[in-house]
Amino acid sequence: MSGPNKKQYAMFILLFIAFVLYNYNNIGNPKPVFGPINIVAYCLFGSAFIIIWGATMTVKYCPNCGARLPRLRFPKNKNEMLYGWTTCPNCKAEIDNKGKVVSRGR
């Protein structure tokens, strides 16, 4: 379970620069921060960032059985919710956020 890669950082930086350029029409002349258009821009920026972040995530596999782990995670217990663990859909092994098997399934 790795962190962000170079492509994710590059996309975030490009989106951030586009967002800053949108909010500043002239040098030192900022647009209102909470105007209705800016609220829409904040929502679009956040949505685009989340979509790109999810689309460029690396595919993760279970170290126990080799099955592909789902990208969208629905926590089933406290450890999955608090620590980012996941459960393999094939062998039911609990895997921590670093990719190590914590408890074997079946």
Protein backbone atom coordinates (compact mmCIF):
# COMPACT_ATOMS: atom_id res chain seq x y z
CA MET A 1 0.00 0.00 0.00
CA SER A 2 2.02 2.91 -1.26
CA GLY A 3 1.47 6.61 -1.00
CA PRO A 4 1.00 9.11 -3.81
CA ASN A 5 3.15 8.74 -6.92
CA LYS A 6 4.74 11.40 -9.13
CA LYS A 7 1.76 11.54 -11.50
CA GLN A 8 -0.60 12.30 -8.61
CA TYR A 9 1.65 15.09 -7.31
CA ALA A 10 1.98 16.58 -10.81
CA MET A 11 -1.79 16.58 -11.36
CA PHE A 12 -2.37 18.18 -7.97
CA ILE A 13 0.17 20.92 -8.71
CA LEU A 14 -1.35 21.62 -12.14
CA LEU A 15 -4.86 21.82 -10.71
CA PHE A 16 -3.66 24.05 -7.89
CA ILE A 17 -1.93 26.42 -10.31
CA ALA A 18 -5.05 26.57 -12.50
CA PHE A 19 -7.14 27.28 -9.41
CA VAL A 20 -4.82 30.08 -8.25
CA LEU A 21 -4.76 31.62 -11.74
CA TYR A 22 -8.56 31.52 -11.83
CA ASN A 23 -8.80 33.41 -8.53
CA TYR A 24 -6.28 36.11 -9.50
CA ASN A 25 -7.17 38.00 -12.66
CA ASN A 26 -4.41 40.64 -12.29
CA ILE A 27 -1.28 40.73 -10.20
CA GLY A 28 -2.29 41.50 -6.63
CA ASN A 29 -5.97 41.94 -7.49
CA PRO A 30 -7.73 38.92 -5.96
CA LYS A 31 -11.34 38.08 -6.67
CA PRO A 32 -13.71 37.66 -3.74
CA VAL A 33 -12.98 34.46 -1.84
CA PHE A 34 -16.55 33.38 -1.06
CA GLY A 35 -18.44 34.55 -4.14
CA PRO A 36 -20.90 32.13 -5.74
CA ILE A 37 -18.62 31.43 -8.70
CA ASN A 38 -15.70 30.71 -6.40
CA ILE A 39 -17.74 28.26 -4.33
CA VAL A 40 -18.51 26.37 -7.54
CA ALA A 41 -14.81 26.55 -8.47
CA TYR A 42 -13.83 25.15 -5.05
CA CYS A 43 -16.26 22.26 -5.53
CA LEU A 44 -14.99 21.56 -9.06
CA PHE A 45 -11.37 21.74 -7.93
CA GLY A 46 -12.01 19.35 -5.04
CA SER A 47 -13.98 16.94 -7.22
CA ALA A 48 -11.34 16.95 -9.95
CA PHE A 49 -8.60 16.38 -7.39
CA ILE A 50 -10.43 13.42 -5.84
CA ILE A 51 -11.23 11.88 -9.24
CA ILE A 52 -7.65 12.22 -10.48
CA TRP A 53 -6.25 10.95 -7.18
CA GLY A 54 -8.46 7.87 -7.36
CA ALA A 55 -7.85 7.23 -11.04
CA THR A 56 -4.07 7.26 -10.65
CA MET A 57 -3.94 5.08 -7.56
CA THR A 58 -1.83 1.98 -7.93
CA VAL A 59 -3.64 -1.34 -8.03
CA LYS A 60 -3.17 -3.28 -4.81
CA TYR A 61 -3.14 -7.05 -4.41
CA CYS A 62 -3.57 -9.31 -1.40
CA PRO A 63 -0.18 -10.61 -0.22
CA ASN A 64 -1.90 -13.77 1.06
CA CYS A 65 -3.74 -15.01 -2.07
CA GLY A 66 -2.86 -12.49 -4.80
CA ALA A 67 -6.43 -11.30 -5.40
CA ARG A 68 -6.98 -7.71 -6.48
CA LEU A 69 -8.17 -5.48 -3.63
CA PRO A 70 -11.07 -3.09 -4.29
CA ARG A 71 -10.20 0.58 -4.78
CA LEU A 72 -13.32 1.77 -3.00
CA ARG A 73 -13.18 0.58 0.59
CA PHE A 74 -16.16 0.12 2.89
CA PRO A 75 -14.88 -0.38 6.48
CA LYS A 76 -16.30 -3.44 8.19
CA ASN A 77 -14.75 -2.97 11.63
CA LYS A 78 -12.99 -0.45 13.87
CA ASN A 79 -9.47 -1.14 12.57
CA GLU A 80 -10.51 -0.69 8.97
CA MET A 81 -12.19 2.59 9.79
CA LEU A 82 -9.48 4.09 12.00
CA TYR A 83 -6.27 2.75 10.48
CA GLY A 84 -7.08 2.26 6.79
CA TRP A 85 -6.98 -1.52 6.85
CA THR A 86 -8.88 -3.56 4.30
CA THR A 87 -10.21 -7.10 3.99
CA CYS A 88 -9.42 -9.29 1.00
CA PRO A 89 -12.66 -10.24 -0.75
CA ASN A 90 -11.23 -13.65 -1.69
CA CYS A 91 -9.47 -15.05 1.40
CA LYS A 92 -10.89 -12.64 4.04
CA ALA A 93 -7.40 -11.74 5.33
CA GLU A 94 -7.08 -8.36 7.07
CA ILE A 95 -4.39 -6.22 5.45
CA ASP A 96 -3.00 -3.05 7.03
CA ASN A 97 -2.35 0.18 5.14
CA LYS A 98 1.28 -0.83 4.48
CA GLY A 99 0.21 -4.02 2.67
CA LYS A 100 1.08 -6.56 5.36
CA VAL A 101 -1.29 -9.31 6.46
CA VAL A 102 -2.47 -8.63 10.02
CA SER A 103 -4.77 -11.60 10.49
CA ARG A 104 -5.37 -14.52 8.18
CA GLY A 105 -8.90 -15.13 6.98
CA ARG A 106 -10.52 -18.50 6.45
